[in-house]
């Protein structure tokens, strides 16, 4: 059984990612870009927050966390965004990003 302090430390883990969105793509997907950001393709249009909502759901699924743990910190109306995902260690995030491919 985990101690309360170790559970608290896990709950405080978070990663911050630079992301570039491509809305209205033919299918959802993720790839690494040369500058270290993630390029995420979403089928949702960039209208009325649909692409932002699709991004939150996509990242929650990709990182295996509830959608409430994914927060867009900046770039709500831009293609480039900064996103914070709580409950994910840096090592787990790197694993997901590596699996995204080149």
Foldseek 3Di string as FASTA:
>chain_A
DDDPVVVVVLQAAKDKAKEFEDELDPDWAWAADPVGHIYTYYNHDLPPQRRVVRVLVVVCVLLVHPSVQKDFPDDSNHRITMIMGGSHHPVSVVVSRVVRYD
